[in-house]
């Protein structure tokens, strides 16, 4: 009898963990963008209002992300730049209030290394691959449930999304950096 109980427990322990859903932590998730300013320096701005969901199944090596950013939350640490960025010449947040990204995790072995997705920015949706620089899950010390975090990056051409200002040559490049944390539901 005892050997059957041990065998049942061992078999149960070998079962893969089911996929889990995670909610993006708005207080620890800040996508940012970087772009050349007149070709002499790089401006950096972060979006301060982000929400979303992540589904992640480590055992099956699958997952997906669905992120929504409030475009008017961009903050360059410079009031005049913030006001210009949300205006009609740039992000046009009155007409396009959100930026969204939906993608599928890509794995190398057991580790997520990229997200193959689509970015909807200023009413245009285009493919955008994000490289995952780091990814880790731990038990959150305060909430006592799993939290996963990642740092990811990608690059786009602003002209492809309808941003005409500063969209010539190397000035058209926009680097995206995303730090994200998500708590298991």
N, C-alpha and C. Protein backbone atom coordinates (compact mmCIF):
# COMPACT_ATOMS: atom_id res chain seq x y z
N UNK A 1 0.82 -1.19 0.00
CA UNK A 1 0.00 0.00 0.00
C UNK A 1 0.87 1.27 0.00
N UNK A 2 1.88 1.26 0.88
CA UNK A 2 2.75 2.41 0.99
C UNK A 2 3.47 2.68 -0.33
N UNK A 3 3.92 1.64 -1.02
CA UNK A 3 4.62 1.83 -2.29
C UNK A 3 3.70 2.43 -3.35
N UNK A 4 2.39 2.09 -3.31
CA UNK A 4 1.45 2.68 -4.26
C UNK A 4 1.25 4.17 -3.98
N UNK A 5 1.21 4.56 -2.73
CA UNK A 5 1.06 5.98 -2.37
C UNK A 5 2.28 6.76 -2.83
N UNK A 6 3.48 6.21 -2.57
CA UNK A 6 4.71 6.87 -3.00
C UNK A 6 4.74 6.98 -4.52
N UNK A 7 4.37 5.92 -5.22
CA UNK A 7 4.35 5.94 -6.69
C UNK A 7 3.36 6.99 -7.20
N UNK A 8 2.19 7.11 -6.57
CA UNK A 8 1.19 8.10 -6.98
C UNK A 8 1.71 9.52 -6.74
N UNK A 9 2.37 9.73 -5.62
CA UNK A 9 2.92 11.06 -5.33
C UNK A 9 4.02 11.42 -6.32
N UNK A 10 4.88 10.47 -6.65
CA UNK A 10 5.94 10.72 -7.62
C UNK A 10 5.36 11.02 -9.00
N UNK A 11 4.33 10.30 -9.39
CA UNK A 11 3.70 10.54 -10.69
C UNK A 11 3.07 11.93 -10.73
N UNK A 12 2.43 12.32 -9.64
CA UNK A 12 1.82 13.65 -9.57
C UNK A 12 2.87 14.73 -9.63
N UNK A 13 3.99 14.54 -8.98
CA UNK A 13 5.07 15.53 -8.98
C UNK A 13 5.66 15.72 -10.36
N UNK A 14 5.59 14.70 -11.20
CA UNK A 14 6.17 14.79 -12.53
C UNK A 14 5.25 15.49 -13.53
N UNK A 15 3.98 15.72 -13.15
CA UNK A 15 3.06 16.37 -14.06
C UNK A 15 3.49 17.81 -14.30
N UNK A 16 3.34 18.29 -15.55
CA UNK A 16 3.73 19.67 -15.81
C UNK A 16 2.78 20.65 -15.12
N UNK A 17 3.34 21.79 -14.75
CA UNK A 17 2.53 22.84 -14.15
C UNK A 17 1.70 23.48 -15.26
N UNK A 18 0.43 23.72 -14.99
CA UNK A 18 -0.47 24.30 -15.99
C UNK A 18 -0.09 25.75 -16.27
N UNK A 19 -0.51 26.21 -17.43
CA UNK A 19 -0.29 27.60 -17.79
C UNK A 19 -0.93 28.51 -16.75
N UNK A 20 -0.29 29.63 -16.52
CA UNK A 20 -0.80 30.58 -15.54
C UNK A 20 -0.98 31.94 -16.19
N UNK A 21 -1.90 32.70 -15.64
CA UNK A 21 -2.15 34.05 -16.11
C UNK A 21 -1.55 35.03 -15.10
N UNK A 22 -0.95 36.09 -15.62
CA UNK A 22 -0.30 37.10 -14.79
C UNK A 22 -0.84 38.47 -15.19
N UNK A 23 -1.01 39.33 -14.21
CA UNK A 23 -1.44 40.70 -14.47
C UNK A 23 -0.24 41.63 -14.35
N UNK A 24 -0.06 42.46 -15.36
CA UNK A 24 1.05 43.40 -15.38
C UNK A 24 0.92 44.35 -14.19
N UNK A 25 2.01 44.51 -13.46
CA UNK A 25 2.06 45.41 -12.30
C UNK A 25 2.32 46.83 -12.80
N UNK A 26 1.28 47.66 -12.73
CA UNK A 26 1.38 49.02 -13.26
C UNK A 26 2.40 49.88 -12.53
N UNK A 27 2.74 49.50 -11.31
CA UNK A 27 3.71 50.27 -10.53
C UNK A 27 5.16 49.85 -10.78
N UNK A 28 5.35 48.80 -11.58
CA UNK A 28 6.71 48.31 -11.86
C UNK A 28 6.93 48.03 -13.35
N UNK A 29 6.08 48.60 -14.20
CA UNK A 29 6.18 48.36 -15.63
C UNK A 29 6.19 49.71 -16.35
N UNK A 30 7.29 50.02 -17.02
CA UNK A 30 7.44 51.30 -17.68
C UNK A 30 8.13 51.16 -19.03
N UNK A 31 7.35 50.92 -20.10
CA UNK A 31 7.96 50.93 -21.43
C UNK A 31 8.55 52.31 -21.69
N UNK A 32 9.66 52.34 -22.39
CA UNK A 32 10.26 53.63 -22.72
C UNK A 32 10.71 53.62 -24.17
N UNK A 33 10.90 54.82 -24.69
CA UNK A 33 11.42 54.94 -26.04
C UNK A 33 12.59 55.89 -26.03
N UNK A 34 13.49 55.66 -26.97
CA UNK A 34 14.68 56.48 -27.13
C UNK A 34 14.80 56.81 -28.61
N UNK A 35 15.13 58.06 -28.90
CA UNK A 35 15.29 58.44 -30.30
C UNK A 35 16.31 59.56 -30.41
N UNK A 36 16.96 59.66 -31.56
CA UNK A 36 17.96 60.70 -31.74
C UNK A 36 17.31 62.09 -31.78
N UNK A 37 17.96 63.04 -31.14
CA UNK A 37 17.52 64.43 -31.16
C UNK A 37 18.52 65.23 -31.99
N UNK A 38 18.10 65.58 -33.19
CA UNK A 38 18.92 66.35 -34.14
C UNK A 38 20.23 65.64 -34.47
N UNK A 39 20.32 64.35 -34.16
CA UNK A 39 21.54 63.61 -34.45
C UNK A 39 22.69 63.86 -33.50
N UNK A 40 22.42 64.62 -32.41
CA UNK A 40 23.52 64.95 -31.50
C UNK A 40 23.38 64.32 -30.12
N UNK A 41 22.18 63.86 -29.75
CA UNK A 41 21.98 63.20 -28.46
C UNK A 41 20.77 62.28 -28.58
N UNK A 42 20.49 61.54 -27.53
CA UNK A 42 19.33 60.65 -27.50
C UNK A 42 18.37 61.12 -26.42
N UNK A 43 17.11 61.30 -26.80
CA UNK A 43 16.05 61.61 -25.84
C UNK A 43 15.43 60.33 -25.36
N UNK A 44 15.07 60.29 -24.09
CA UNK A 44 14.44 59.10 -23.51
C UNK A 44 13.17 59.51 -22.78
N UNK A 45 12.10 58.80 -23.07
CA UNK A 45 10.84 59.05 -22.39
C UNK A 45 10.23 57.74 -21.97
N UNK A 46 9.56 57.75 -20.82
CA UNK A 46 8.90 56.52 -20.37
C UNK A 46 7.41 56.76 -20.27
N UNK A 47 6.67 55.71 -20.53
CA UNK A 47 5.22 55.73 -20.38
C UNK A 47 4.90 55.29 -18.95
N UNK A 48 4.11 56.07 -18.25
CA UNK A 48 3.87 55.81 -16.83
C UNK A 48 2.55 55.11 -16.55
N UNK A 49 1.74 54.83 -17.58
CA UNK A 49 0.48 54.10 -17.36
C UNK A 49 0.38 52.94 -18.36
N UNK A 50 0.60 51.75 -17.82
CA UNK A 50 0.62 50.53 -18.62
C UNK A 50 -0.21 49.47 -17.92
N UNK A 51 -0.94 48.67 -18.69
CA UNK A 51 -1.69 47.55 -18.15
C UNK A 51 -1.54 46.37 -19.11
N UNK A 52 -1.96 45.19 -18.65
CA UNK A 52 -1.89 44.06 -19.55
C UNK A 52 -1.90 42.72 -18.85
N UNK A 53 -1.82 41.69 -19.66
CA UNK A 53 -1.84 40.31 -19.20
C UNK A 53 -0.72 39.54 -19.87
N UNK A 54 -0.21 38.56 -19.15
CA UNK A 54 0.78 37.62 -19.67
C UNK A 54 0.30 36.23 -19.33
N UNK A 55 0.31 35.34 -20.29
CA UNK A 55 0.05 33.92 -20.05
C UNK A 55 1.37 33.21 -20.26
N UNK A 56 1.72 32.35 -19.29
CA UNK A 56 3.05 31.73 -19.32
C UNK A 56 2.94 30.30 -18.82
N UNK A 57 3.48 29.39 -19.60
CA UNK A 57 3.53 27.98 -19.23
C UNK A 57 4.96 27.50 -19.42
N UNK A 58 5.71 27.47 -18.32
CA UNK A 58 7.13 27.09 -18.39
C UNK A 58 7.31 25.67 -18.89
N UNK A 59 6.46 24.76 -18.43
CA UNK A 59 6.61 23.35 -18.81
C UNK A 59 6.37 23.13 -20.30
N UNK A 60 5.37 23.81 -20.84
CA UNK A 60 5.05 23.65 -22.26
C UNK A 60 5.87 24.59 -23.15
N UNK A 61 6.63 25.49 -22.52
CA UNK A 61 7.42 26.48 -23.26
C UNK A 61 6.54 27.30 -24.20
N UNK A 62 5.47 27.83 -23.62
CA UNK A 62 4.56 28.68 -24.38
C UNK A 62 4.19 29.90 -23.55
N UNK A 63 3.73 30.90 -24.23
CA UNK A 63 3.26 32.09 -23.54
C UNK A 63 2.90 33.18 -24.52
N UNK A 64 2.13 34.14 -24.02
CA UNK A 64 1.77 35.28 -24.83
C UNK A 64 1.62 36.51 -23.95
N UNK A 65 1.71 37.67 -24.59
CA UNK A 65 1.59 38.93 -23.88
C UNK A 65 0.57 39.80 -24.59
N UNK A 66 -0.11 40.64 -23.80
CA UNK A 66 -1.07 41.59 -24.32
C UNK A 66 -0.93 42.85 -23.47
N UNK A 67 -0.34 43.89 -24.03
CA UNK A 67 0.02 45.09 -23.28
C UNK A 67 -0.71 46.30 -23.87
N UNK A 68 -1.19 47.19 -22.99
CA UNK A 68 -1.85 48.42 -23.41
C UNK A 68 -1.19 49.59 -22.68
N UNK A 69 -0.76 50.58 -23.44
CA UNK A 69 -0.08 51.75 -22.89
C UNK A 69 -0.92 53.00 -23.19
N UNK A 70 -1.08 53.84 -22.19
CA UNK A 70 -1.74 55.14 -22.38
C UNK A 70 -0.69 56.10 -22.94
N UNK A 71 -0.86 56.47 -24.22
CA UNK A 71 0.17 57.25 -24.92
C UNK A 71 0.42 58.61 -24.27
N UNK A 72 -0.59 59.24 -23.71
CA UNK A 72 -0.42 60.57 -23.10
C UNK A 72 0.38 60.52 -21.81
N UNK A 73 0.71 59.33 -21.33
CA UNK A 73 1.48 59.22 -20.09
C UNK A 73 2.99 59.34 -20.32
N UNK A 74 3.40 59.66 -21.55
CA UNK A 74 4.83 59.79 -21.85
C UNK A 74 5.46 60.89 -20.99
N UNK A 75 6.63 60.60 -20.44
CA UNK A 75 7.31 61.57 -19.58
C UNK A 75 8.79 61.59 -19.92
N UNK A 76 9.24 62.73 -20.45
CA UNK A 76 10.65 62.92 -20.78
C UNK A 76 11.40 63.64 -19.67
N UNK A 77 10.68 64.02 -18.61
CA UNK A 77 11.31 64.82 -17.57
C UNK A 77 11.50 66.26 -18.01
N UNK A 78 10.77 66.66 -19.03
CA UNK A 78 10.87 68.00 -19.61
C UNK A 78 9.47 68.40 -20.07
N UNK A 79 8.85 69.35 -19.37
CA UNK A 79 7.45 69.70 -19.59
C UNK A 79 7.15 70.07 -21.05
N UNK A 80 7.98 70.91 -21.66
CA UNK A 80 7.74 71.32 -23.04
C UNK A 80 7.81 70.13 -24.00
N UNK A 81 8.75 69.23 -23.78
CA UNK A 81 8.85 68.04 -24.63
C UNK A 81 7.64 67.14 -24.44
N UNK A 82 7.18 66.96 -23.20
CA UNK A 82 5.99 66.15 -22.94
C UNK A 82 4.80 66.70 -23.71
N UNK A 83 4.60 68.02 -23.63
CA UNK A 83 3.46 68.65 -24.32
C UNK A 83 3.57 68.50 -25.83
N UNK A 84 4.77 68.68 -26.37
CA UNK A 84 4.97 68.51 -27.81
C UNK A 84 4.74 67.05 -28.22
N UNK A 85 5.21 66.12 -27.42
CA UNK A 85 5.11 64.70 -27.77
C UNK A 85 3.67 64.21 -27.87
N UNK A 86 2.77 64.72 -27.04
CA UNK A 86 1.38 64.24 -27.09
C UNK A 86 0.54 64.98 -28.12
N UNK A 87 1.10 66.04 -28.71
CA UNK A 87 0.37 66.86 -29.68
C UNK A 87 0.23 66.21 -31.05
N UNK A 88 -0.47 66.92 -31.96
CA UNK A 88 -0.79 66.36 -33.29
C UNK A 88 0.43 66.12 -34.18
N UNK A 89 1.54 66.82 -33.93
CA UNK A 89 2.74 66.62 -34.76
C UNK A 89 3.50 65.36 -34.41
N UNK A 90 3.21 64.80 -33.24
CA UNK A 90 4.01 63.66 -32.81
C UNK A 90 3.14 62.47 -32.48
N UNK A 91 2.84 62.19 -31.22
CA UNK A 91 2.04 61.02 -30.85
C UNK A 91 0.55 61.18 -31.11
N UNK A 92 0.09 62.42 -31.22
CA UNK A 92 -1.32 62.70 -31.52
C UNK A 92 -2.24 61.87 -30.62
N UNK A 93 -2.07 62.03 -29.31
CA UNK A 93 -2.78 61.19 -28.35
C UNK A 93 -4.29 61.45 -28.31
N UNK A 94 -4.71 62.60 -28.81
CA UNK A 94 -6.16 62.84 -28.88
C UNK A 94 -6.80 61.86 -29.87
N UNK A 95 -6.17 61.64 -30.99
CA UNK A 95 -6.69 60.70 -31.99
C UNK A 95 -6.29 59.26 -31.70
N UNK A 96 -5.10 59.06 -31.14
CA UNK A 96 -4.57 57.72 -30.86
C UNK A 96 -4.18 57.62 -29.39
N UNK A 97 -5.15 57.42 -28.50
CA UNK A 97 -4.87 57.47 -27.06
C UNK A 97 -4.07 56.29 -26.51
N UNK A 98 -4.02 55.18 -27.23
CA UNK A 98 -3.32 54.01 -26.71
C UNK A 98 -2.32 53.45 -27.72
N UNK A 99 -1.36 52.74 -27.17
CA UNK A 99 -0.41 51.94 -27.93
C UNK A 99 -0.58 50.52 -27.41
N UNK A 100 -0.66 49.54 -28.31
CA UNK A 100 -0.83 48.16 -27.84
C UNK A 100 0.19 47.24 -28.49
N UNK A 101 0.48 46.17 -27.76
CA UNK A 101 1.41 45.16 -28.26
C UNK A 101 0.87 43.79 -27.87
N UNK A 102 0.76 42.92 -28.86
CA UNK A 102 0.31 41.54 -28.63
C UNK A 102 1.37 40.64 -29.26
N UNK A 103 1.84 39.66 -28.48
CA UNK A 103 2.89 38.80 -29.01
C UNK A 103 2.95 37.44 -28.35
N UNK A 104 3.76 36.58 -28.93
CA UNK A 104 3.96 35.22 -28.47
C UNK A 104 5.41 35.04 -28.02
N UNK A 105 5.59 34.44 -26.84
CA UNK A 105 6.93 34.19 -26.35
C UNK A 105 7.64 33.16 -27.22
N UNK A 106 8.92 33.41 -27.47
CA UNK A 106 9.78 32.48 -28.20
C UNK A 106 10.81 31.96 -27.21
N UNK A 107 11.04 30.66 -27.23
CA UNK A 107 11.92 30.03 -26.24
C UNK A 107 13.18 29.49 -26.89
N UNK A 108 14.24 29.47 -26.10
CA UNK A 108 15.45 28.75 -26.43
C UNK A 108 15.69 27.83 -25.23
N UNK A 109 15.44 26.54 -25.42
CA UNK A 109 15.45 25.63 -24.29
C UNK A 109 14.30 25.97 -23.38
N UNK A 110 14.57 26.13 -22.09
CA UNK A 110 13.54 26.45 -21.12
C UNK A 110 13.32 27.94 -20.92
N UNK A 111 14.08 28.76 -21.61
CA UNK A 111 14.11 30.19 -21.32
C UNK A 111 13.45 31.02 -22.43
N UNK A 112 12.51 31.93 -22.06
CA UNK A 112 11.99 32.86 -23.07
C UNK A 112 13.10 33.83 -23.50
N UNK A 113 13.30 33.98 -24.81
CA UNK A 113 14.38 34.83 -25.30
C UNK A 113 13.89 35.96 -26.21
N UNK A 114 12.61 35.89 -26.61
CA UNK A 114 12.07 36.92 -27.51
C UNK A 114 10.55 36.89 -27.45
N UNK A 115 9.98 37.97 -27.97
CA UNK A 115 8.53 38.03 -28.16
C UNK A 115 8.30 38.40 -29.62
N UNK A 116 7.58 37.56 -30.33
CA UNK A 116 7.24 37.79 -31.73
C UNK A 116 5.83 38.37 -31.74
N UNK A 117 5.73 39.66 -32.05
CA UNK A 117 4.42 40.27 -31.92
C UNK A 117 4.12 41.35 -32.92
N UNK A 118 3.03 42.07 -32.62
CA UNK A 118 2.58 43.17 -33.45
C UNK A 118 2.34 44.38 -32.56
N UNK A 119 2.88 45.51 -32.99
CA UNK A 119 2.71 46.78 -32.30
C UNK A 119 1.68 47.60 -33.04
N UNK A 120 0.67 48.09 -32.31
CA UNK A 120 -0.29 49.03 -32.87
C UNK A 120 0.05 50.39 -32.29
N UNK A 121 0.52 51.28 -33.16
CA UNK A 121 1.01 52.59 -32.75
C UNK A 121 0.48 53.61 -33.75
N UNK A 122 -0.22 54.60 -33.28
CA UNK A 122 -0.80 55.65 -34.10
C UNK A 122 -1.67 55.08 -35.22
N UNK A 123 -2.44 54.06 -34.90
CA UNK A 123 -3.39 53.48 -35.85
C UNK A 123 -2.79 52.55 -36.87
N UNK A 124 -1.49 52.28 -36.77
CA UNK A 124 -0.82 51.38 -37.70
C UNK A 124 -0.32 50.16 -36.93
N UNK A 125 -0.58 48.98 -37.46
CA UNK A 125 -0.12 47.74 -36.83
C UNK A 125 0.94 47.12 -37.72
N UNK A 126 2.09 46.83 -37.10
CA UNK A 126 3.21 46.24 -37.83
C UNK A 126 3.88 45.19 -36.94
N UNK A 127 4.54 44.21 -37.57
CA UNK A 127 5.29 43.22 -36.78
C UNK A 127 6.43 43.89 -36.02
N UNK A 128 6.67 43.40 -34.81
CA UNK A 128 7.79 43.91 -34.02
C UNK A 128 8.30 42.80 -33.12
N UNK A 129 9.55 42.42 -33.33
CA UNK A 129 10.21 41.41 -32.50
C UNK A 129 10.91 42.12 -31.34
N UNK A 130 10.69 41.61 -30.13
CA UNK A 130 11.37 42.12 -28.95
C UNK A 130 12.34 41.07 -28.44
N UNK A 131 13.57 41.46 -28.20
CA UNK A 131 14.57 40.57 -27.61
C UNK A 131 14.42 40.65 -26.09
N UNK A 132 14.37 39.50 -25.44
CA UNK A 132 14.31 39.46 -23.98
C UNK A 132 15.73 39.34 -23.45
N UNK A 133 16.18 40.37 -22.75
CA UNK A 133 17.53 40.39 -22.19
C UNK A 133 17.62 39.61 -20.88
N UNK A 134 16.54 39.66 -20.10
CA UNK A 134 16.51 38.90 -18.85
C UNK A 134 15.06 38.53 -18.54
N UNK A 135 14.89 37.38 -17.88
CA UNK A 135 13.57 36.89 -17.50
C UNK A 135 13.73 36.04 -16.25
N UNK A 136 12.89 36.29 -15.25
CA UNK A 136 13.00 35.52 -14.01
C UNK A 136 11.66 35.56 -13.28
N UNK A 137 11.33 34.45 -12.64
CA UNK A 137 10.14 34.35 -11.79
C UNK A 137 10.58 33.98 -10.37
N UNK A 138 9.95 34.62 -9.38
CA UNK A 138 10.24 34.34 -7.97
C UNK A 138 8.93 34.43 -7.19
N UNK A 139 8.98 34.03 -5.93
CA UNK A 139 7.86 34.29 -5.03
C UNK A 139 8.01 35.71 -4.52
N UNK A 140 6.98 36.53 -4.73
CA UNK A 140 7.04 37.93 -4.31
C UNK A 140 7.14 37.99 -2.79
N UNK A 141 8.09 38.76 -2.25
CA UNK A 141 8.30 38.78 -0.80
C UNK A 141 7.13 39.38 0.00
N UNK A 142 6.33 40.25 -0.62
CA UNK A 142 5.22 40.87 0.09
C UNK A 142 3.89 40.19 -0.20
N UNK A 143 3.64 39.86 -1.48
CA UNK A 143 2.35 39.30 -1.88
C UNK A 143 2.29 37.78 -1.75
N UNK A 144 3.45 37.14 -1.55
CA UNK A 144 3.54 35.68 -1.33
C UNK A 144 2.92 34.88 -2.48
N UNK A 145 3.07 35.39 -3.69
CA UNK A 145 2.69 34.64 -4.88
C UNK A 145 3.71 34.93 -5.97
N UNK A 146 3.68 34.14 -7.01
CA UNK A 146 4.70 34.25 -8.04
C UNK A 146 4.61 35.59 -8.78
N UNK A 147 5.77 36.16 -9.04
CA UNK A 147 5.90 37.35 -9.86
C UNK A 147 7.01 37.05 -10.88
N UNK A 148 6.77 37.45 -12.12
CA UNK A 148 7.79 37.29 -13.16
C UNK A 148 8.17 38.67 -13.66
N UNK A 149 9.44 38.82 -13.98
CA UNK A 149 9.93 40.09 -14.49
C UNK A 149 10.81 39.87 -15.70
N UNK A 150 10.84 40.88 -16.56
CA UNK A 150 11.66 40.79 -17.77
C UNK A 150 12.14 42.17 -18.18
N UNK A 151 13.20 42.16 -18.94
CA UNK A 151 13.71 43.35 -19.60
C UNK A 151 13.79 42.98 -21.08
N UNK A 152 13.13 43.79 -21.91
CA UNK A 152 13.09 43.49 -23.34
C UNK A 152 13.38 44.75 -24.14
N UNK A 153 13.77 44.56 -25.38
CA UNK A 153 14.05 45.71 -26.23
C UNK A 153 13.76 45.38 -27.69
N UNK A 154 13.50 46.44 -28.44
CA UNK A 154 13.25 46.32 -29.87
C UNK A 154 13.53 47.65 -30.54
N UNK A 155 13.36 47.69 -31.84
CA UNK A 155 13.61 48.92 -32.58
C UNK A 155 12.60 49.04 -33.71
N UNK A 156 12.17 50.28 -33.97
CA UNK A 156 11.23 50.51 -35.06
C UNK A 156 11.65 51.76 -35.82
N UNK A 157 11.05 51.92 -36.98
CA UNK A 157 11.26 53.10 -37.81
C UNK A 157 10.01 53.96 -37.67
N UNK A 158 10.16 55.16 -37.12
CA UNK A 158 8.99 55.99 -36.83
C UNK A 158 8.20 56.35 -38.08
N UNK A 159 8.83 56.46 -39.24
CA UNK A 159 8.12 56.80 -40.47
C UNK A 159 7.11 55.72 -40.86
N UNK A 160 7.39 54.46 -40.51
CA UNK A 160 6.48 53.37 -40.84
C UNK A 160 5.16 53.44 -40.05
N UNK A 161 5.14 54.26 -39.00
CA UNK A 161 3.95 54.43 -38.19
C UNK A 161 3.30 55.80 -38.39
N UNK A 162 3.76 56.54 -39.39
CA UNK A 162 3.16 57.82 -39.70
C UNK A 162 3.78 59.01 -39.00
N UNK A 163 4.87 58.80 -38.26
CA UNK A 163 5.56 59.92 -37.62
C UNK A 163 6.53 60.52 -38.64
N UNK A 164 6.19 61.67 -39.17
CA UNK A 164 7.01 62.28 -40.22
C UNK A 164 8.15 63.12 -39.65
N UNK A 165 7.92 63.80 -38.54
CA UNK A 165 8.95 64.68 -37.97
C UNK A 165 10.17 63.86 -37.55
N UNK A 166 11.33 64.25 -38.03
CA UNK A 166 12.57 63.59 -37.66
C UNK A 166 12.68 62.17 -38.19
N UNK A 167 12.01 61.88 -39.30
CA UNK A 167 11.96 60.50 -39.79
C UNK A 167 12.92 60.24 -40.94
N UNK A 168 14.01 60.99 -41.00
CA UNK A 168 14.98 60.82 -42.08
C UNK A 168 16.18 60.01 -41.62
N UNK A 169 16.59 59.05 -42.43
CA UNK A 169 17.81 58.29 -42.17
C UNK A 169 17.88 57.70 -40.78
N UNK A 170 19.04 57.88 -40.13
CA UNK A 170 19.24 57.35 -38.78
C UNK A 170 18.33 58.00 -37.75
N UNK A 171 17.83 59.19 -38.04
CA UNK A 171 16.94 59.87 -37.10
C UNK A 171 15.59 59.17 -36.99
N UNK A 172 15.26 58.30 -37.93
CA UNK A 172 13.98 57.60 -37.91
C UNK A 172 13.94 56.47 -36.89
N UNK A 173 15.11 56.07 -36.41
CA UNK A 173 15.16 54.94 -35.46
C UNK A 173 14.57 55.31 -34.12
N UNK A 174 13.75 54.42 -33.60
CA UNK A 174 13.23 54.55 -32.24
C UNK A 174 13.53 53.23 -31.54
N UNK A 175 14.24 53.32 -30.43
CA UNK A 175 14.52 52.13 -29.63
C UNK A 175 13.46 52.02 -28.55
N UNK A 176 12.95 50.82 -28.37
CA UNK A 176 12.01 50.54 -27.29
C UNK A 176 12.72 49.74 -26.22
N UNK A 177 12.50 50.11 -24.98
CA UNK A 177 13.01 49.35 -23.83
C UNK A 177 11.81 49.10 -22.93
N UNK A 178 11.65 47.89 -22.49
CA UNK A 178 10.49 47.56 -21.67
C UNK A 178 10.95 46.80 -20.44
N UNK A 179 10.70 47.38 -19.29
CA UNK A 179 10.87 46.65 -18.04
C UNK A 179 9.46 46.30 -17.60
N UNK A 180 9.26 45.05 -17.26
CA UNK A 180 7.91 44.59 -16.92
C UNK A 180 7.97 43.63 -15.75
N UNK A 181 7.00 43.76 -14.87
CA UNK A 181 6.77 42.78 -13.81
C UNK A 181 5.28 42.44 -13.83
N UNK A 182 4.98 41.17 -13.60
CA UNK A 182 3.59 40.71 -13.64
C UNK A 182 3.36 39.70 -12.52
N UNK A 183 2.27 39.89 -11.78
CA UNK A 183 1.91 39.02 -10.66
C UNK A 183 0.93 37.94 -11.10
N UNK A 184 1.19 36.73 -10.64
CA UNK A 184 0.32 35.61 -10.97
C UNK A 184 -1.08 35.87 -10.40
N UNK A 185 -2.10 35.63 -11.24
CA UNK A 185 -3.49 35.84 -10.80
C UNK A 185 -3.92 34.81 -9.79
